[in-house]
PDB file of N, CA and C in Angstrom:
ATOM      1  N   MET A   1     -16.984  -3.236 -16.381  1.00  0.00           N
ATOM      2  CA  MET A   1     -16.156  -2.928 -15.222  1.00  0.00           C
ATOM      3  C   MET A   1     -15.140  -1.853 -15.603  1.00  0.00           C
ATOM      4  N   ALA A   2     -14.970  -0.882 -14.723  1.00  0.00           N
ATOM      5  CA  ALA A   2     -13.994   0.181 -14.968  1.00  0.00           C
ATOM      6  C   ALA A   2     -12.586  -0.396 -14.901  1.00  0.00           C
ATOM      7  N   ARG A   3     -11.718   0.167 -15.683  1.00  0.00           N
ATOM      8  CA  ARG A   3     -10.336  -0.309 -15.663  1.00  0.00           C
ATOM      9  C   ARG A   3      -9.446   0.703 -14.958  1.00  0.00           C
ATOM     10  N   ILE A   4      -8.280   0.246 -14.597  1.00  0.00           N
ATOM     11  CA  ILE A   4      -7.318   1.106 -13.925  1.00  0.00           C
ATOM     12  C   ILE A   4      -6.434   1.758 -14.983  1.00  0.00           C
ATOM     13  N   ASP A   5      -6.329   3.062 -14.897  1.00  0.00           N
ATOM     14  CA  ASP A   5      -5.449   3.823 -15.783  1.00  0.00           C
ATOM     15  C   ASP A   5      -4.341   4.425 -14.934  1.00  0.00           C
ATOM     16  N   PHE A   6      -3.122   4.304 -15.405  1.00  0.00           N
ATOM     17  CA  PHE A   6      -1.973   4.858 -14.703  1.00  0.00           C
ATOM     18  C   PHE A   6      -1.577   6.172 -15.357  1.00  0.00           C
ATOM     19  N   PHE A   7      -1.108   7.111 -14.541  1.00  0.00           N
ATOM     20  CA  PHE A   7      -0.653   8.390 -15.077  1.00  0.00           C
ATOM     21  C   PHE A   7       0.463   8.936 -14.194  1.00  0.00           C
ATOM     22  N   THR A   8       1.179   9.897 -14.713  1.00  0.00           N
ATOM     23  CA  THR A   8       2.270  10.535 -13.978  1.00  0.00           C
ATOM     24  C   THR A   8       1.751  11.798 -13.312  1.00  0.00           C
ATOM     25  N   THR A   9       2.080  11.969 -12.036  1.00  0.00           N
ATOM     26  CA  THR A   9       1.618  13.131 -11.274  1.00  0.00           C
ATOM     27  C   THR A   9       2.442  14.373 -11.628  1.00  0.00           C
ATOM     28  N   ALA A  10       2.035  15.499 -11.066  1.00  0.00           N
ATOM     29  CA  ALA A  10       2.722  16.768 -11.318  1.00  0.00           C
ATOM     30  C   ALA A  10       4.200  16.714 -10.932  1.00  0.00           C
ATOM     31  N   ASN A  11       4.543  15.906  -9.902  1.00  0.00           N
ATOM     32  CA  ASN A  11       5.954  15.833  -9.489  1.00  0.00           C
ATOM     33  C   ASN A  11       6.669  14.598 -10.044  1.00  0.00           C
ATOM     34  N   GLY A  12       6.031  13.890 -10.982  1.00  0.00           N
ATOM     35  CA  GLY A  12       6.683  12.780 -11.668  1.00  0.00           C
ATOM     36  C   GLY A  12       6.459  11.402 -11.081  1.00  0.00           C
ATOM     37  N   GLN A  13       5.662  11.279 -10.024  1.00  0.00           N
ATOM     38  CA  GLN A  13       5.385   9.969  -9.428  1.00  0.00           C
ATOM     39  C   GLN A  13       4.231   9.284 -10.169  1.00  0.00           C
ATOM     40  N   LEU A  14       4.137   7.984  -9.998  1.00  0.00           N
ATOM     41  CA  LEU A  14       3.063   7.209 -10.602  1.00  0.00           C
ATOM     42  C   LEU A  14       1.801   7.319  -9.759  1.00  0.00           C
ATOM     43  N   SER A  15       0.665   7.458 -10.406  1.00  0.00           N
ATOM     44  CA  SER A  15      -0.620   7.439  -9.714  1.00  0.00           C
ATOM     45  C   SER A  15      -1.582   6.631 -10.567  1.00  0.00           C
ATOM     46  N   ALA A  16      -2.803   6.445 -10.068  1.00  0.00           N
ATOM     47  CA  ALA A  16      -3.772   5.623 -10.786  1.00  0.00           C
ATOM     48  C   ALA A  16      -5.171   6.199 -10.643  1.00  0.00           C
ATOM     49  N   ARG A  17      -5.982   5.849 -11.622  1.00  0.00           N
ATOM     50  CA  ARG A  17      -7.377   6.267 -11.657  1.00  0.00           C
ATOM     51  C   ARG A  17      -8.207   5.010 -11.932  1.00  0.00           C
ATOM     52  N   PHE A  18      -9.296   4.844 -11.214  1.00  0.00           N
ATOM     53  CA  PHE A  18     -10.218   3.730 -11.432  1.00  0.00           C
ATOM     54  C   PHE A  18     -11.547   4.347 -11.829  1.00  0.00           C
ATOM     55  N   GLY A  19     -11.864   4.273 -13.107  1.00  0.00           N
ATOM     56  CA  GLY A  19     -13.063   4.953 -13.593  1.00  0.00           C
ATOM     57  C   GLY A  19     -12.897   6.447 -13.411  1.00  0.00           C
ATOM     58  N   ASP A  20     -13.821   7.062 -12.687  1.00  0.00           N
ATOM     59  CA  ASP A  20     -13.771   8.507 -12.427  1.00  0.00           C
ATOM     60  C   ASP A  20     -13.054   8.853 -11.125  1.00  0.00           C
ATOM     61  N   HIS A  21     -12.552   7.864 -10.418  1.00  0.00           N
ATOM     62  CA  HIS A  21     -11.959   8.087  -9.094  1.00  0.00           C
ATOM     63  C   HIS A  21     -10.436   8.006  -9.146  1.00  0.00           C
ATOM     64  N   THR A  22      -9.780   9.068  -8.696  1.00  0.00           N
ATOM     65  CA  THR A  22      -8.324   9.063  -8.573  1.00  0.00           C
ATOM     66  C   THR A  22      -7.974   8.365  -7.262  1.00  0.00           C
ATOM     67  N   LEU A  23      -7.091   7.368  -7.341  1.00  0.00           N
ATOM     68  CA  LEU A  23      -6.753   6.579  -6.155  1.00  0.00           C
ATOM     69  C   LEU A  23      -5.734   7.271  -5.257  1.00  0.00           C
ATOM     70  N   TYR A  24      -4.987   8.195  -5.807  1.00  0.00           N
ATOM     71  CA  TYR A  24      -3.943   8.897  -5.060  1.00  0.00           C
ATOM     72  C   TYR A  24      -3.958  10.365  -5.435  1.00  0.00           C
ATOM     73  N   SER A  25      -3.155  11.118  -4.732  1.00  0.00           N
ATOM     74  CA  SER A  25      -2.962  12.531  -5.040  1.00  0.00           C
ATOM     75  C   SER A  25      -2.479  12.684  -6.484  1.00  0.00           C
ATOM     76  N   ARG A  26      -2.968  13.707  -7.157  1.00  0.00           N
ATOM     77  CA  ARG A  26      -2.494  14.003  -8.512  1.00  0.00           C
ATOM     78  C   ARG A  26      -1.194  14.799  -8.472  1.00  0.00           C
ATOM     79  N   TYR A  27      -0.759  15.180  -7.273  1.00  0.00           N
ATOM     80  CA  TYR A  27       0.421  16.031  -7.138  1.00  0.00           C
ATOM     81  C   TYR A  27       1.587  15.326  -6.459  1.00  0.00           C
ATOM     82  N   ASP A  28       1.345  14.663  -5.320  1.00  0.00           N
ATOM     83  CA  ASP A  28       2.435  14.045  -4.561  1.00  0.00           C
ATOM     84  C   ASP A  28       1.912  12.854  -3.749  1.00  0.00           C
ATOM     85  N   PRO A  29       1.761  11.677  -4.380  1.00  0.00           N
ATOM     86  CA  PRO A  29       1.234  10.499  -3.680  1.00  0.00           C
ATOM     87  C   PRO A  29       2.065  10.067  -2.476  1.00  0.00           C
ATOM     88  N   GLU A  30       3.390  10.197  -2.548  1.00  0.00           N
ATOM     89  CA  GLU A  30       4.234   9.800  -1.412  1.00  0.00           C
ATOM     90  C   GLU A  30       3.978  10.677  -0.195  1.00  0.00           C
ATOM     91  N   LYS A  31       3.864  11.966  -0.397  1.00  0.00           N
ATOM     92  CA  LYS A  31       3.598  12.890   0.710  1.00  0.00           C
ATOM     93  C   LYS A  31       2.219  12.623   1.306  1.00  0.00           C
ATOM     94  N   GLU A  32       1.243  12.350   0.449  1.00  0.00           N
ATOM     95  CA  GLU A  32      -0.103  12.022   0.915  1.00  0.00           C
ATOM     96  C   GLU A  32      -0.075  10.757   1.781  1.00  0.00           C
ATOM     97  N   ALA A  33       0.647   9.734   1.336  1.00  0.00           N
ATOM     98  CA  ALA A  33       0.755   8.482   2.090  1.00  0.00           C
ATOM     99  C   ALA A  33       1.467   8.701   3.419  1.00  0.00           C
ATOM    100  N   ASP A  34       2.517   9.504   3.418  1.00  0.00           N
ATOM    101  CA  ASP A  34       3.257   9.780   4.651  1.00  0.00           C
ATOM    102  C   ASP A  34       2.360  10.477   5.675  1.00  0.00           C
ATOM    103  N   ARG A  35       1.560  11.438   5.219  1.00  0.00           N
ATOM    104  CA  ARG A  35       0.624  12.121   6.126  1.00  0.00           C
ATOM    105  C   ARG A  35      -0.406  11.142   6.687  1.00  0.00           C
ATOM    106  N   PHE A  36      -0.918  10.273   5.821  1.00  0.00           N
ATOM    107  CA  PHE A  36      -1.911   9.286   6.243  1.00  0.00           C
ATOM    108  C   PHE A  36      -1.333   8.361   7.316  1.00  0.00           C
ATOM    109  N   VAL A  37      -0.123   7.863   7.096  1.00  0.00           N
ATOM    110  CA  VAL A  37       0.513   6.957   8.063  1.00  0.00           C
ATOM    111  C   VAL A  37       0.796   7.690   9.367  1.00  0.00           C
ATOM    112  N   ALA A  38       1.280   8.910   9.286  1.00  0.00           N
ATOM    113  CA  ALA A  38       1.558   9.689  10.501  1.00  0.00           C
ATOM    114  C   ALA A  38       0.286   9.874  11.324  1.00  0.00           C
ATOM    115  N   GLN A  39      -0.835  10.161  10.667  1.00  0.00           N
ATOM    116  CA  GLN A  39      -2.106  10.325  11.378  1.00  0.00           C
ATOM    117  C   GLN A  39      -2.617   8.993  11.916  1.00  0.00           C
ATOM    118  N   SER A  40      -2.392   7.921  11.170  1.00  0.00           N
ATOM    119  CA  SER A  40      -2.914   6.607  11.559  1.00  0.00           C
ATOM    120  C   SER A  40      -2.191   6.013  12.762  1.00  0.00           C
ATOM    121  N   ILE A  41      -0.863   6.115  12.785  1.00  0.00           N
ATOM    122  CA  ILE A  41      -0.122   5.531  13.909  1.00  0.00           C
ATOM    123  C   ILE A  41       0.149   6.551  14.997  1.00  0.00           C
ATOM    124  N   GLY A  42      -0.074   7.813  14.692  1.00  0.00           N
ATOM    125  CA  GLY A  42       0.174   8.864  15.676  1.00  0.00           C
ATOM    126  C   GLY A  42       1.624   9.295  15.647  1.00  0.00           C
ATOM    127  N   ALA A  43       1.844  10.579  15.696  1.00  0.00           N
ATOM    128  CA  ALA A  43       3.213  11.109  15.628  1.00  0.00           C
ATOM    129  C   ALA A  43       4.069  10.599  16.779  1.00  0.00           C
ATOM    130  N   ASP A  44       3.449  10.380  17.951  1.00  0.00           N
ATOM    131  CA  ASP A  44       4.224   9.923  19.110  1.00  0.00           C
ATOM    132  C   ASP A  44       4.618   8.455  19.007  1.00  0.00           C
ATOM    133  N   ARG A  45       3.956   7.691  18.119  1.00  0.00           N
ATOM    134  CA  ARG A  45       4.291   6.272  17.954  1.00  0.00           C
ATOM    135  C   ARG A  45       5.077   6.023  16.670  1.00  0.00           C
ATOM    136  N   GLY A  46       5.674   7.055  16.125  1.00  0.00           N
ATOM    137  CA  GLY A  46       6.382   6.946  14.861  1.00  0.00           C
ATOM    138  C   GLY A  46       7.745   6.302  14.954  1.00  0.00           C
ATOM    139  N   SER A  47       8.009   5.602  16.019  1.00  0.00           N
ATOM    140  CA  SER A  47       9.291   4.929  16.198  1.00  0.00           C
ATOM    141  C   SER A  47       9.028   3.528  16.735  1.00  0.00           C
ATOM    142  N   ILE A  48       9.761   2.561  16.231  1.00  0.00           N
ATOM    143  CA  ILE A  48       9.583   1.170  16.665  1.00  0.00           C
ATOM    144  C   ILE A  48       9.924   1.010  18.144  1.00  0.00           C
ATOM    145  N   GLN A  49      10.700   1.943  18.726  1.00  0.00           N
ATOM    146  CA  GLN A  49      11.045   1.853  20.144  1.00  0.00           C
ATOM    147  C   GLN A  49       9.884   2.264  21.052  1.00  0.00           C
ATOM    148  N   HIS A  50       8.903   2.947  20.517  1.00  0.00           N
ATOM    149  CA  HIS A  50       7.767   3.381  21.332  1.00  0.00           C
ATOM    150  C   HIS A  50       7.001   2.152  21.818  1.00  0.00           C
ATOM    151  N   PRO A  51       6.578   2.102  23.096  1.00  0.00           N
ATOM    152  CA  PRO A  51       5.897   0.914  23.621  1.00  0.00           C
ATOM    153  C   PRO A  51       4.574   0.595  22.925  1.00  0.00           C
ATOM    154  N   LEU A  52       3.939   1.572  22.294  1.00  0.00           N
ATOM    155  CA  LEU A  52       2.678   1.318  21.597  1.00  0.00           C
ATOM    156  C   LEU A  52       2.844   1.174  20.090  1.00  0.00           C
ATOM    157  N   ALA A  53       4.078   1.122  19.612  1.00  0.00           N
ATOM    158  CA  ALA A  53       4.319   0.941  18.180  1.00  0.00           C
ATOM    159  C   ALA A  53       3.833  -0.451  17.773  1.00  0.00           C
ATOM    160  N   PRO A  54       3.167  -0.569  16.627  1.00  0.00           N
ATOM    161  CA  PRO A  54       2.670  -1.875  16.205  1.00  0.00           C
ATOM    162  C   PRO A  54       3.808  -2.798  15.776  1.00  0.00           C
ATOM    163  N   ALA A  55       3.626  -4.092  15.999  1.00  0.00           N
ATOM    164  CA  ALA A  55       4.597  -5.082  15.538  1.00  0.00           C
ATOM    165  C   ALA A  55       4.281  -5.511  14.113  1.00  0.00           C
ATOM    166  N   VAL A  56       2.983  -5.429  13.756  1.00  0.00           N
ATOM    167  CA  VAL A  56       2.513  -5.827  12.430  1.00  0.00           C
ATOM    168  C   VAL A  56       1.547  -4.762  11.929  1.00  0.00           C
ATOM    169  N   VAL A  57       1.656  -4.443  10.652  1.00  0.00           N
ATOM    170  CA  VAL A  57       0.717  -3.528  10.004  1.00  0.00           C
ATOM    171  C   VAL A  57       0.088  -4.279   8.843  1.00  0.00           C
ATOM    172  N   VAL A  58      -1.242  -4.273   8.770  1.00  0.00           N
ATOM    173  CA  VAL A  58      -1.970  -4.904   7.672  1.00  0.00           C
ATOM    174  C   VAL A  58      -2.526  -3.795   6.789  1.00  0.00           C
ATOM    175  N   ILE A  59      -2.216  -3.868   5.505  1.00  0.00           N
ATOM    176  CA  ILE A  59      -2.684  -2.867   4.549  1.00  0.00           C
ATOM    177  C   ILE A  59      -3.668  -3.545   3.610  1.00  0.00           C
ATOM    178  N   LEU A  60      -4.922  -3.141   3.683  1.00  0.00           N
ATOM    179  CA  LEU A  60      -5.960  -3.691   2.813  1.00  0.00           C
ATOM    180  C   LEU A  60      -6.107  -2.779   1.607  1.00  0.00           C
ATOM    181  N   GLY A  61      -5.852  -3.323   0.434  1.00  0.00           N
ATOM    182  CA  GLY A  61      -5.895  -2.496  -0.762  1.00  0.00           C
ATOM    183  C   GLY A  61      -4.625  -1.683  -0.886  1.00  0.00           C
ATOM    184  N   ALA A  62      -3.499  -2.371  -0.984  1.00  0.00           N
ATOM    185  CA  ALA A  62      -2.189  -1.715  -0.933  1.00  0.00           C
ATOM    186  C   ALA A  62      -1.892  -0.817  -2.129  1.00  0.00           C
ATOM    187  N   GLY A  63      -2.618  -0.962  -3.201  1.00  0.00           N
ATOM    188  CA  GLY A  63      -2.485  -0.042  -4.328  1.00  0.00           C
ATOM    189  C   GLY A  63      -1.107  -0.018  -4.946  1.00  0.00           C
ATOM    190  N   LEU A  64      -0.502   1.153  -5.009  1.00  0.00           N
ATOM    191  CA  LEU A  64       0.798   1.327  -5.660  1.00  0.00           C
ATOM    192  C   LEU A  64       1.972   1.291  -4.690  1.00  0.00           C
ATOM    193  N   GLY A  65       1.734   0.945  -3.449  1.00  0.00           N
ATOM    194  CA  GLY A  65       2.821   0.744  -2.497  1.00  0.00           C
ATOM    195  C   GLY A  65       3.281   1.971  -1.728  1.00  0.00           C
ATOM    196  N   TYR A  66       2.617   3.105  -1.897  1.00  0.00           N
ATOM    197  CA  TYR A  66       3.044   4.315  -1.186  1.00  0.00           C
ATOM    198  C   TYR A  66       2.858   4.184   0.328  1.00  0.00           C
ATOM    199  N   ILE A  67       1.796   3.510   0.760  1.00  0.00           N
ATOM    200  CA  ILE A  67       1.567   3.322   2.198  1.00  0.00           C
ATOM    201  C   ILE A  67       2.660   2.422   2.776  1.00  0.00           C
ATOM    202  N   GLU A  68       2.998   1.344   2.063  1.00  0.00           N
ATOM    203  CA  GLU A  68       4.079   0.454   2.520  1.00  0.00           C
ATOM    204  C   GLU A  68       5.377   1.227   2.727  1.00  0.00           C
ATOM    205  N   LYS A  69       5.722   2.069   1.767  1.00  0.00           N
ATOM    206  CA  LYS A  69       6.960   2.852   1.875  1.00  0.00           C
ATOM    207  C   LYS A  69       6.918   3.788   3.077  1.00  0.00           C
ATOM    208  N   ALA A  70       5.779   4.419   3.295  1.00  0.00           N
ATOM    209  CA  ALA A  70       5.654   5.354   4.425  1.00  0.00           C
ATOM    210  C   ALA A  70       5.742   4.620   5.760  1.00  0.00           C
ATOM    211  N   VAL A  71       5.115   3.438   5.851  1.00  0.00           N
ATOM    212  CA  VAL A  71       5.188   2.647   7.085  1.00  0.00           C
ATOM    213  C   VAL A  71       6.631   2.205   7.322  1.00  0.00           C
ATOM    214  N   THR A  72       7.282   1.708   6.289  1.00  0.00           N
ATOM    215  CA  THR A  72       8.665   1.245   6.408  1.00  0.00           C
ATOM    216  C   THR A  72       9.594   2.378   6.833  1.00  0.00           C
ATOM    217  N   LYS A  73       9.343   3.580   6.328  1.00  0.00           N
ATOM    218  CA  LYS A  73      10.172   4.739   6.690  1.00  0.00           C
ATOM    219  C   LYS A  73      10.031   5.066   8.175  1.00  0.00           C
ATOM    220  N   ARG A  74       8.815   5.012   8.689  1.00  0.00           N
ATOM    221  CA  ARG A  74       8.574   5.364  10.090  1.00  0.00           C
ATOM    222  C   ARG A  74       8.863   4.211  11.041  1.00  0.00           C
ATOM    223  N   LEU A  75       8.592   2.985  10.602  1.00  0.00           N
ATOM    224  CA  LEU A  75       8.754   1.795  11.449  1.00  0.00           C
ATOM    225  C   LEU A  75       9.549   0.742  10.672  1.00  0.00           C
ATOM    226  N   PRO A  76      10.845   0.893  10.551  1.00  0.00           N
ATOM    227  CA  PRO A  76      11.637   0.023   9.681  1.00  0.00           C
ATOM    228  C   PRO A  76      11.631  -1.459  10.057  1.00  0.00           C
ATOM    229  N   ASP A  77      11.359  -1.802  11.309  1.00  0.00           N
ATOM    230  CA  ASP A  77      11.386  -3.208  11.719  1.00  0.00           C
ATOM    231  C   ASP A  77      10.010  -3.863  11.760  1.00  0.00           C
ATOM    232  N   VAL A  78       8.971  -3.138  11.418  1.00  0.00           N
ATOM    233  CA  VAL A  78       7.620  -3.682  11.487  1.00  0.00           C
ATOM    234  C   VAL A  78       7.392  -4.688  10.349  1.00  0.00           C
ATOM    235  N   ARG A  79       6.571  -5.694  10.623  1.00  0.00           N
ATOM    236  CA  ARG A  79       6.169  -6.647   9.581  1.00  0.00           C
ATOM    237  C   ARG A  79       4.944  -6.064   8.886  1.00  0.00           C
ATOM    238  N   ILE A  80       4.942  -6.125   7.561  1.00  0.00           N
ATOM    239  CA  ILE A  80       3.835  -5.573   6.787  1.00  0.00           C
ATOM    240  C   ILE A  80       3.163  -6.695   6.015  1.00  0.00           C
ATOM    241  N   ILE A  81       1.842  -6.773   6.155  1.00  0.00           N
ATOM    242  CA  ILE A  81       1.030  -7.697   5.370  1.00  0.00           C
ATOM    243  C   ILE A  81       0.196  -6.833   4.437  1.00  0.00           C
ATOM    244  N   SER A  82       0.451  -6.953   3.137  1.00  0.00           N
ATOM    245  CA  SER A  82      -0.255  -6.138   2.149  1.00  0.00           C
ATOM    246  C   SER A  82      -1.170  -7.016   1.316  1.00  0.00           C
ATOM    247  N   LEU A  83      -2.429  -6.634   1.254  1.00  0.00           N
ATOM    248  CA  LEU A  83      -3.396  -7.344   0.428  1.00  0.00           C
ATOM    249  C   LEU A  83      -3.754  -6.457  -0.757  1.00  0.00           C
ATOM    250  N   TYR A  84      -3.404  -6.917  -1.929  1.00  0.00           N
ATOM    251  CA  TYR A  84      -3.695  -6.170  -3.151  1.00  0.00           C
ATOM    252  C   TYR A  84      -5.051  -6.616  -3.679  1.00  0.00           C
ATOM    253  N   LEU A  85      -5.897  -5.669  -3.986  1.00  0.00           N
ATOM    254  CA  LEU A  85      -7.251  -5.976  -4.424  1.00  0.00           C
ATOM    255  C   LEU A  85      -7.382  -5.996  -5.941  1.00  0.00           C
ATOM    256  N   HIS A  86      -6.306  -5.704  -6.635  1.00  0.00           N
ATOM    257  CA  HIS A  86      -6.346  -5.709  -8.094  1.00  0.00           C
ATOM    258  C   HIS A  86      -4.974  -6.114  -8.623  1.00  0.00           C
ATOM    259  N   ASP A  87      -4.936  -7.132  -9.477  1.00  0.00           N
ATOM    260  CA  ASP A  87      -3.671  -7.639 -10.015  1.00  0.00           C
ATOM    261  C   ASP A  87      -2.850  -6.557 -10.717  1.00  0.00           C
ATOM    262  N   GLU A  88      -3.529  -5.681 -11.467  1.00  0.00           N
ATOM    263  CA  GLU A  88      -2.820  -4.645 -12.221  1.00  0.00           C
ATOM    264  C   GLU A  88      -2.011  -3.728 -11.308  1.00  0.00           C
ATOM    265  N   LEU A  89      -2.592  -3.354 -10.174  1.00  0.00           N
ATOM    266  CA  LEU A  89      -1.882  -2.489  -9.228  1.00  0.00           C
ATOM    267  C   LEU A  89      -0.664  -3.204  -8.663  1.00  0.00           C
ATOM    268  N   TYR A  90      -0.819  -4.480  -8.344  1.00  0.00           N
ATOM    269  CA  TYR A  90       0.302  -5.245  -7.801  1.00  0.00           C
ATOM    270  C   TYR A  90       1.443  -5.325  -8.813  1.00  0.00           C
ATOM    271  N   HIS A  91       1.110  -5.739 -10.021  1.00  0.00           N
ATOM    272  CA  HIS A  91       2.150  -5.961 -11.025  1.00  0.00           C
ATOM    273  C   HIS A  91       2.809  -4.667 -11.494  1.00  0.00           C
ATOM    274  N   GLU A  92       2.122  -3.563 -11.368  1.00  0.00           N
ATOM    275  CA  GLU A  92       2.699  -2.280 -11.785  1.00  0.00           C
ATOM    276  C   GLU A  92       3.844  -1.843 -10.872  1.00  0.00           C
ATOM    277  N   THR A  93       3.807  -2.245  -9.609  1.00  0.00           N
ATOM    278  CA  THR A  93       4.761  -1.695  -8.647  1.00  0.00           C
ATOM    279  C   THR A  93       5.636  -2.716  -7.937  1.00  0.00           C
ATOM    280  N   ARG A  94       5.409  -3.991  -8.098  1.00  0.00           N
ATOM    281  CA  ARG A  94       6.139  -4.990  -7.317  1.00  0.00           C
ATOM    282  C   ARG A  94       7.391  -5.458  -8.024  1.00  0.00           C
ATOM    283  N   ASP A  95       8.356  -5.827  -7.241  1.00  0.00           N
ATOM    284  CA  ASP A  95       9.563  -6.460  -7.756  1.00  0.00           C
ATOM    285  C   ASP A  95       9.811  -7.734  -6.951  1.00  0.00           C
ATOM    286  N   ALA A  96      10.817  -8.481  -7.311  1.00  0.00           N
ATOM    287  CA  ALA A  96      11.072  -9.775  -6.663  1.00  0.00           C
ATOM    288  C   ALA A  96      11.291  -9.652  -5.162  1.00  0.00           C
ATOM    289  N   ALA A  97      11.832  -8.549  -4.699  1.00  0.00           N
ATOM    290  CA  ALA A  97      12.095  -8.370  -3.266  1.00  0.00           C
ATOM    291  C   ALA A  97      10.815  -8.323  -2.445  1.00  0.00           C
ATOM    292  N   HIS A  98       9.712  -7.959  -3.064  1.00  0.00           N
ATOM    293  CA  HIS A  98       8.447  -7.839  -2.345  1.00  0.00           C
ATOM    294  C   HIS A  98       7.555  -9.067  -2.506  1.00  0.00           C
ATOM    295  N   GLN A  99       8.044 -10.106  -3.143  1.00  0.00           N
ATOM    296  CA  GLN A  99       7.207 -11.264  -3.415  1.00  0.00           C
ATOM    297  C   GLN A  99       7.538 -12.453  -2.527  1.00  0.00           C
ATOM    298  N   SER A 100       7.749 -12.226  -1.260  1.00  0.00           N
ATOM    299  CA  SER A 100       8.132 -13.322  -0.376  1.00  0.00           C
ATOM    300  C   SER A 100       6.989 -14.293  -0.129  1.00  0.00           C
ATOM    301  N   ALA A 101       5.767 -13.860  -0.271  1.00  0.00           N
ATOM    302  CA  ALA A 101       4.621 -14.752  -0.072  1.00  0.00           C
ATOM    303  C   ALA A 101       3.497 -14.322  -1.008  1.00  0.00           C
ATOM    304  N   TRP A 102       3.681 -14.535  -2.266  1.00  0.00           N
ATOM    305  CA  TRP A 102       2.717 -14.107  -3.280  1.00  0.00           C
ATOM    306  C   TRP A 102       2.031 -15.333  -3.851  1.00  0.00           C
ATOM    307  N   PHE A 103       0.702 -15.358  -3.794  1.00  0.00           N
ATOM    308  CA  PHE A 103      -0.081 -16.490  -4.265  1.00  0.00           C
ATOM    309  C   PHE A 103      -1.028 -16.015  -5.368  1.00  0.00           C
ATOM    310  N   PRO A 104      -0.529 -15.850  -6.596  1.00  0.00           N
ATOM    311  CA  PRO A 104      -1.351 -15.257  -7.651  1.00  0.00           C
ATOM    312  C   PRO A 104      -2.535 -16.103  -8.082  1.00  0.00           C
ATOM    313  N   SER A 105      -2.525 -17.404  -7.842  1.00  0.00           N
ATOM    314  CA  SER A 105      -3.625 -18.244  -8.307  1.00  0.00           C
ATOM    315  C   SER A 105      -4.751 -18.392  -7.294  1.00  0.00           C
ATOM    316  N   TRP A 106      -4.540 -17.957  -6.048  1.00  0.00           N
ATOM    317  CA  TRP A 106      -5.569 -18.098  -5.018  1.00  0.00           C
ATOM    318  C   TRP A 106      -6.652 -17.056  -5.202  1.00  0.00           C
ATOM    319  N   ARG A 107      -7.896 -17.466  -5.100  1.00  0.00           N
ATOM    320  CA  ARG A 107      -9.034 -16.555  -5.170  1.00  0.00           C
ATOM    321  C   ARG A 107      -9.947 -16.863  -3.990  1.00  0.00           C
ATOM    322  N   PRO A 108     -10.440 -15.854  -3.275  1.00  0.00           N
ATOM    323  CA  PRO A 108     -11.282 -16.090  -2.102  1.00  0.00           C
ATOM    324  C   PRO A 108     -12.477 -16.982  -2.396  1.00  0.00           C
ATOM    325  N   ALA A 109     -13.071 -16.863  -3.562  1.00  0.00           N
ATOM    326  CA  ALA A 109     -14.257 -17.649  -3.902  1.00  0.00           C
ATOM    327  C   ALA A 109     -13.946 -19.137  -4.025  1.00  0.00           C
ATOM    328  N   GLU A 110     -12.694 -19.495  -4.171  1.00  0.00           N
ATOM    329  CA  GLU A 110     -12.313 -20.892  -4.333  1.00  0.00           C
ATOM    330  C   GLU A 110     -12.110 -21.614  -3.009  1.00  0.00           C
ATOM    331  N   THR A 111     -12.215 -20.923  -1.914  1.00  0.00           N
ATOM    332  CA  THR A 111     -11.932 -21.500  -0.607  1.00  0.00           C
ATOM    333  C   THR A 111     -13.217 -21.712   0.177  1.00  0.00           C
ATOM    334  N   ARG A 112     -13.404 -22.916   0.682  1.00  0.00           N
ATOM    335  CA  ARG A 112     -14.550 -23.210   1.550  1.00  0.00           C
ATOM    336  C   ARG A 112     -14.072 -23.203   2.986  1.00  0.00           C
ATOM    337  N   LEU A 113     -14.819 -22.553   3.837  1.00  0.00           N
ATOM    338  CA  LEU A 113     -14.413 -22.438   5.231  1.00  0.00           C
ATOM    339  C   LEU A 113     -14.933 -23.565   6.113  1.00  0.00           C
ATOM    340  N   ASN A 114     -15.824 -24.390   5.640  1.00  0.00           N
ATOM    341  CA  ASN A 114     -16.348 -25.463   6.492  1.00  0.00           C
ATOM    342  C   ASN A 114     -15.979 -26.826   6.000  1.00  0.00           C
TER     343      ASN A 114
END
């Protein structure tokens, strides 16, 4: 299995590589995340006061947290549910303030739905 390698980008931010794939921009991951969020929610919905602004944002594969920061910047009152797909990525960027509902021992394979 390929491992995650962390490196510093051209502007000094943290980025990651999984095998041969770079997970973020090698130059400015925060700017890349901000552009992605702006395109995803639409420039006209970039305010929590907008009637179509989401109340909850779910981030699948939250990575190094750049998407969370961009969402919080544009929609400061939105609730964010972040699902980390790799422990290393979570532990590299999380602090106690972000661990309000962290279940490190739960694994999907351990849960039966019936």
